[in-house]
Amino acid sequence: MQKVEYPTGSIFYRLVYLEVYTGKPAWWNLLMFMLDTSPNLQVLKLLIDQWHKIEDHVVCEKWNQPKTVPECLLLHLETFVWEGYEEKRKEEKEVAKYILRNASRLKKESL
């Protein structure tokens, strides 16, 4: 498995809108990195890209709930959209529950 390196030390203070494509195994690692480093994020969209069908998605790594909640979830996230969400996938269900449980200022959600 190829290890993905993230730019350590980066904080995206100006990022308020983020789209993450969920077509790669363990995409939630990138999602959590971006949530942790984007304290002012207001809109989060999780999408299926045009090259992948929902049934083609492969889950290779287990979701590990973070020990701390990102600041953006606690203070700023207002919109959460997940296109192609499938509740029957255990890992995706855990990610969705984590976001919904911790996004205290959420005004709009669409799963």
N, C-alpha and C. Protein backbone atom coordinates (compact mmCIF):
# COMPACT_ATOMS: atom_id res chain seq x y z
N MET A 1 0.84 -1.18 0.00
CA MET A 1 0.00 0.00 0.00
C MET A 1 0.89 1.24 0.00
N GLN A 2 0.50 2.22 -0.79
CA GLN A 2 1.25 3.47 -0.88
C GLN A 2 0.83 4.40 0.24
N LYS A 3 1.80 4.93 0.95
CA LYS A 3 1.52 5.87 2.04
C LYS A 3 1.39 7.27 1.46
N VAL A 4 0.32 7.95 1.86
CA VAL A 4 0.09 9.32 1.40
C VAL A 4 0.68 10.28 2.41
N GLU A 5 1.50 11.18 1.94
CA GLU A 5 2.11 12.18 2.81
C GLU A 5 1.31 13.48 2.71
N TYR A 6 1.04 14.08 3.83
CA TYR A 6 0.32 15.35 3.88
C TYR A 6 1.30 16.45 4.26
N PRO A 7 1.03 17.66 3.83
CA PRO A 7 1.94 18.77 4.16
C PRO A 7 1.84 19.13 5.64
N THR A 8 2.74 18.61 6.45
CA THR A 8 2.68 18.88 7.88
C THR A 8 2.97 20.35 8.16
N GLY A 9 2.34 20.86 9.18
CA GLY A 9 2.55 22.24 9.55
C GLY A 9 1.66 23.23 8.80
N SER A 10 0.90 22.74 7.83
CA SER A 10 0.02 23.63 7.06
C SER A 10 -1.31 23.79 7.78
N ILE A 11 -1.78 25.02 7.81
CA ILE A 11 -3.11 25.29 8.33
C ILE A 11 -3.81 26.18 7.31
N PHE A 12 -5.00 25.74 6.90
CA PHE A 12 -5.74 26.42 5.85
C PHE A 12 -6.82 27.31 6.47
N TYR A 13 -6.38 28.43 7.02
CA TYR A 13 -7.29 29.34 7.73
C TYR A 13 -8.38 29.91 6.83
N ARG A 14 -8.08 30.11 5.56
CA ARG A 14 -9.03 30.75 4.65
C ARG A 14 -9.98 29.77 3.98
N LEU A 15 -9.76 28.48 4.16
CA LEU A 15 -10.59 27.47 3.52
C LEU A 15 -11.95 27.39 4.23
N VAL A 16 -13.02 27.70 3.49
CA VAL A 16 -14.37 27.63 4.06
C VAL A 16 -15.26 26.64 3.31
N TYR A 17 -14.81 26.17 2.14
CA TYR A 17 -15.58 25.23 1.32
C TYR A 17 -14.65 24.11 0.87
N LEU A 18 -15.05 22.86 1.09
CA LEU A 18 -14.20 21.73 0.74
C LEU A 18 -15.01 20.61 0.13
N GLU A 19 -14.53 20.07 -1.00
CA GLU A 19 -15.09 18.87 -1.60
C GLU A 19 -14.03 17.78 -1.53
N VAL A 20 -14.43 16.61 -1.04
CA VAL A 20 -13.54 15.46 -0.96
C VAL A 20 -14.20 14.32 -1.73
N TYR A 21 -13.44 13.73 -2.63
CA TYR A 21 -13.94 12.60 -3.39
C TYR A 21 -13.64 11.31 -2.64
N THR A 22 -14.64 10.44 -2.58
CA THR A 22 -14.58 9.26 -1.73
C THR A 22 -14.29 7.98 -2.52
N GLY A 23 -13.63 8.10 -3.66
CA GLY A 23 -13.40 6.95 -4.52
C GLY A 23 -12.18 6.12 -4.21
N LYS A 24 -11.33 6.56 -3.35
CA LYS A 24 -10.10 5.83 -3.04
C LYS A 24 -10.21 5.17 -1.67
N PRO A 25 -9.53 4.02 -1.48
CA PRO A 25 -9.55 3.39 -0.16
C PRO A 25 -9.03 4.33 0.92
N ALA A 26 -9.66 4.28 2.06
CA ALA A 26 -9.27 5.07 3.24
C ALA A 26 -9.20 6.56 2.96
N TRP A 27 -10.11 7.05 2.15
CA TRP A 27 -10.19 8.49 1.84
C TRP A 27 -10.41 9.30 3.11
N TRP A 28 -10.94 8.68 4.13
CA TRP A 28 -11.24 9.42 5.37
C TRP A 28 -9.98 9.91 6.06
N ASN A 29 -8.83 9.33 5.75
CA ASN A 29 -7.58 9.87 6.31
C ASN A 29 -7.31 11.28 5.80
N LEU A 30 -7.51 11.48 4.50
CA LEU A 30 -7.38 12.82 3.92
C LEU A 30 -8.45 13.75 4.49
N LEU A 31 -9.68 13.26 4.60
CA LEU A 31 -10.76 14.07 5.16
C LEU A 31 -10.41 14.56 6.56
N MET A 32 -9.95 13.68 7.42
CA MET A 32 -9.64 14.08 8.79
C MET A 32 -8.46 15.05 8.83
N PHE A 33 -7.48 14.83 7.96
CA PHE A 33 -6.37 15.78 7.89
C PHE A 33 -6.89 17.17 7.52
N MET A 34 -7.75 17.24 6.52
CA MET A 34 -8.28 18.54 6.09
C MET A 34 -9.16 19.18 7.16
N LEU A 35 -9.97 18.39 7.84
CA LEU A 35 -10.78 18.95 8.93
C LEU A 35 -9.90 19.49 10.05
N ASP A 36 -8.86 18.77 10.38
CA ASP A 36 -7.95 19.20 11.44
C ASP A 36 -7.19 20.48 11.09
N THR A 37 -6.94 20.70 9.81
CA THR A 37 -6.11 21.84 9.39
C THR A 37 -6.91 22.97 8.75
N SER A 38 -8.25 22.90 8.83
CA SER A 38 -9.11 23.94 8.25
C SER A 38 -10.08 24.43 9.32
N PRO A 39 -9.61 25.23 10.26
CA PRO A 39 -10.42 25.60 11.42
C PRO A 39 -11.67 26.41 11.10
N ASN A 40 -11.74 27.06 9.94
CA ASN A 40 -12.89 27.90 9.61
C ASN A 40 -13.81 27.30 8.56
N LEU A 41 -13.67 26.02 8.30
CA LEU A 41 -14.47 25.35 7.27
C LEU A 41 -15.95 25.45 7.60
N GLN A 42 -16.75 25.88 6.60
CA GLN A 42 -18.19 26.04 6.79
C GLN A 42 -19.01 25.06 5.97
N VAL A 43 -18.48 24.63 4.82
CA VAL A 43 -19.21 23.73 3.93
C VAL A 43 -18.32 22.53 3.60
N LEU A 44 -18.87 21.33 3.81
CA LEU A 44 -18.15 20.10 3.49
C LEU A 44 -19.03 19.25 2.58
N LYS A 45 -18.47 18.88 1.43
CA LYS A 45 -19.17 18.00 0.49
C LYS A 45 -18.31 16.77 0.23
N LEU A 46 -18.91 15.61 0.44
CA LEU A 46 -18.26 14.36 0.11
C LEU A 46 -18.93 13.84 -1.15
N LEU A 47 -18.12 13.53 -2.17
CA LEU A 47 -18.66 13.23 -3.50
C LEU A 47 -18.08 11.96 -4.08
N ILE A 48 -18.85 11.35 -4.96
CA ILE A 48 -18.37 10.24 -5.78
C ILE A 48 -17.87 10.89 -7.06
N ASP A 49 -16.65 10.59 -7.48
CA ASP A 49 -16.16 11.20 -8.71
C ASP A 49 -16.75 10.49 -9.92
N GLN A 50 -16.68 11.13 -11.06
CA GLN A 50 -17.32 10.62 -12.27
C GLN A 50 -16.71 9.32 -12.77
N TRP A 51 -15.53 8.97 -12.32
CA TRP A 51 -14.84 7.78 -12.80
C TRP A 51 -15.14 6.54 -11.97
N HIS A 52 -15.81 6.72 -10.85
CA HIS A 52 -16.10 5.58 -9.98
C HIS A 52 -17.60 5.45 -9.77
N LYS A 53 -18.09 4.24 -9.79
CA LYS A 53 -19.46 3.97 -9.40
C LYS A 53 -19.44 3.67 -7.91
N ILE A 54 -20.54 3.91 -7.27
CA ILE A 54 -20.63 3.67 -5.82
C ILE A 54 -20.24 2.24 -5.48
N GLU A 55 -20.70 1.28 -6.27
CA GLU A 55 -20.42 -0.13 -5.95
C GLU A 55 -18.96 -0.51 -6.19
N ASP A 56 -18.18 0.36 -6.86
CA ASP A 56 -16.77 0.08 -7.10
C ASP A 56 -15.87 0.45 -5.92
N HIS A 57 -16.40 1.14 -4.95
CA HIS A 57 -15.57 1.61 -3.84
C HIS A 57 -15.09 0.45 -2.99
N VAL A 58 -13.84 0.55 -2.61
CA VAL A 58 -13.21 -0.50 -1.82
C VAL A 58 -12.78 0.12 -0.49
N VAL A 59 -13.04 -0.58 0.57
CA VAL A 59 -12.59 -0.13 1.88
C VAL A 59 -11.45 -1.04 2.31
N CYS A 60 -10.27 -0.46 2.51
CA CYS A 60 -9.10 -1.26 2.86
C CYS A 60 -8.62 -1.01 4.29
N GLU A 61 -8.90 0.13 4.82
CA GLU A 61 -8.45 0.44 6.17
C GLU A 61 -9.66 0.71 7.06
N LYS A 62 -9.50 0.40 8.31
CA LYS A 62 -10.55 0.63 9.28
C LYS A 62 -10.60 2.11 9.67
N TRP A 63 -11.80 2.60 9.89
CA TRP A 63 -11.98 3.96 10.38
C TRP A 63 -11.63 3.98 11.85
N ASN A 64 -10.76 4.89 12.23
CA ASN A 64 -10.40 5.09 13.63
C ASN A 64 -10.85 6.48 14.04
N GLN A 65 -11.80 6.51 14.92
CA GLN A 65 -12.32 7.81 15.36
C GLN A 65 -11.23 8.60 16.03
N PRO A 66 -11.07 9.88 15.63
CA PRO A 66 -10.04 10.73 16.24
C PRO A 66 -10.30 10.95 17.73
N LYS A 67 -9.24 11.19 18.46
CA LYS A 67 -9.35 11.44 19.90
C LYS A 67 -9.86 12.86 20.20
N THR A 68 -9.58 13.80 19.29
CA THR A 68 -10.06 15.17 19.46
C THR A 68 -10.94 15.55 18.28
N VAL A 69 -11.85 16.49 18.53
CA VAL A 69 -12.77 16.94 17.48
C VAL A 69 -12.18 18.19 16.83
N PRO A 70 -12.11 18.22 15.50
CA PRO A 70 -11.58 19.40 14.81
C PRO A 70 -12.39 20.66 15.13
N GLU A 71 -11.69 21.77 15.22
CA GLU A 71 -12.31 23.06 15.55
C GLU A 71 -13.43 23.42 14.58
N CYS A 72 -13.25 23.11 13.30
CA CYS A 72 -14.27 23.48 12.32
C CYS A 72 -15.60 22.78 12.62
N LEU A 73 -15.57 21.54 13.10
CA LEU A 73 -16.81 20.84 13.43
C LEU A 73 -17.48 21.47 14.64
N LEU A 74 -16.70 21.84 15.61
CA LEU A 74 -17.26 22.41 16.84
C LEU A 74 -17.81 23.82 16.65
N LEU A 75 -17.16 24.61 15.78
CA LEU A 75 -17.47 26.05 15.74
C LEU A 75 -18.00 26.60 14.43
N HIS A 76 -17.73 25.95 13.29
CA HIS A 76 -18.03 26.63 12.04
C HIS A 76 -18.80 25.86 10.99
N LEU A 77 -18.73 24.53 10.95
CA LEU A 77 -19.37 23.79 9.87
C LEU A 77 -20.88 23.97 9.91
N GLU A 78 -21.43 24.49 8.80
CA GLU A 78 -22.87 24.75 8.70
C GLU A 78 -23.57 23.84 7.70
N THR A 79 -22.83 23.37 6.69
CA THR A 79 -23.43 22.55 5.64
C THR A 79 -22.60 21.29 5.44
N PHE A 80 -23.30 20.15 5.46
CA PHE A 80 -22.66 18.86 5.22
C PHE A 80 -23.49 18.10 4.20
N VAL A 81 -22.88 17.81 3.04
CA VAL A 81 -23.54 17.09 1.96
C VAL A 81 -22.70 15.86 1.63
N TRP A 82 -23.36 14.72 1.50
CA TRP A 82 -22.65 13.49 1.12
C TRP A 82 -23.41 12.83 -0.02
N GLU A 83 -22.93 13.04 -1.23
CA GLU A 83 -23.54 12.42 -2.41
C GLU A 83 -23.04 10.98 -2.51
N GLY A 84 -23.94 10.05 -2.72
CA GLY A 84 -23.56 8.66 -2.87
C GLY A 84 -23.36 7.94 -1.55
N TYR A 85 -23.81 8.53 -0.46
CA TYR A 85 -23.67 7.89 0.85
C TYR A 85 -24.44 6.59 0.89
N GLU A 86 -23.81 5.54 1.39
CA GLU A 86 -24.47 4.24 1.56
C GLU A 86 -24.36 3.82 3.00
N GLU A 87 -25.46 3.86 3.69
CA GLU A 87 -25.48 3.54 5.12
C GLU A 87 -25.04 2.10 5.39
N LYS A 88 -25.14 1.22 4.41
CA LYS A 88 -24.80 -0.18 4.65
C LYS A 88 -23.30 -0.41 4.78
N ARG A 89 -22.49 0.53 4.38
CA ARG A 89 -21.04 0.39 4.54
C ARG A 89 -20.65 0.88 5.94
N LYS A 90 -20.14 -0.04 6.75
CA LYS A 90 -19.86 0.25 8.16
C LYS A 90 -18.94 1.45 8.33
N GLU A 91 -17.85 1.50 7.58
CA GLU A 91 -16.87 2.58 7.74
C GLU A 91 -17.49 3.93 7.39
N GLU A 92 -18.26 3.99 6.30
CA GLU A 92 -18.89 5.25 5.91
C GLU A 92 -19.93 5.68 6.95
N LYS A 93 -20.64 4.73 7.48
CA LYS A 93 -21.64 5.03 8.51
C LYS A 93 -20.96 5.64 9.74
N GLU A 94 -19.81 5.11 10.12
CA GLU A 94 -19.07 5.64 11.27
C GLU A 94 -18.58 7.07 11.01
N VAL A 95 -18.10 7.34 9.80
CA VAL A 95 -17.64 8.69 9.45
C VAL A 95 -18.82 9.66 9.52
N ALA A 96 -19.96 9.26 8.94
CA ALA A 96 -21.15 10.13 8.94
C ALA A 96 -21.62 10.41 10.37
N LYS A 97 -21.68 9.39 11.20
CA LYS A 97 -22.11 9.58 12.59
C LYS A 97 -21.16 10.52 13.33
N TYR A 98 -19.87 10.37 13.10
CA TYR A 98 -18.89 11.22 13.77
C TYR A 98 -19.09 12.69 13.39
N ILE A 99 -19.26 12.95 12.10
CA ILE A 99 -19.45 14.34 11.66
C ILE A 99 -20.75 14.90 12.20
N LEU A 100 -21.85 14.17 12.06
CA LEU A 100 -23.15 14.66 12.51
C LEU A 100 -23.20 14.86 14.03
N ARG A 101 -22.56 13.98 14.75
CA ARG A 101 -22.54 14.08 16.22
C ARG A 101 -21.74 15.29 16.70
N ASN A 102 -20.70 15.66 15.98
CA ASN A 102 -19.79 16.71 16.45
C ASN A 102 -19.97 18.07 15.78
N ALA A 103 -20.72 18.15 14.72
CA ALA A 103 -20.93 19.43 14.02
C ALA A 103 -22.04 20.18 14.74
N SER A 104 -21.66 20.94 15.74
CA SER A 104 -22.64 21.57 16.62
C SER A 104 -23.37 22.77 16.00
N ARG A 105 -22.87 23.31 14.90
CA ARG A 105 -23.51 24.47 14.28
C ARG A 105 -24.14 24.12 12.93
N LEU A 106 -24.36 22.85 12.68
CA LEU A 106 -24.87 22.39 11.41
C LEU A 106 -26.27 22.94 11.14
N LYS A 107 -26.46 23.56 9.99
CA LYS A 107 -27.77 24.11 9.59
C LYS A 107 -28.38 23.29 8.47
N LYS A 108 -27.54 22.66 7.66
CA LYS A 108 -28.04 21.89 6.52
C LYS A 108 -27.24 20.61 6.37
N GLU A 109 -27.95 19.50 6.24
CA GLU A 109 -27.30 18.22 5.98
C GLU A 109 -28.06 17.49 4.89
N SER A 110 -27.33 16.75 4.10
CA SER A 110 -27.94 15.97 3.03
C SER A 110 -27.12 14.70 2.85
N LEU A 111 -27.71 13.57 3.18
CA LEU A 111 -27.05 12.28 3.02
C LEU A 111 -27.85 11.44 2.06
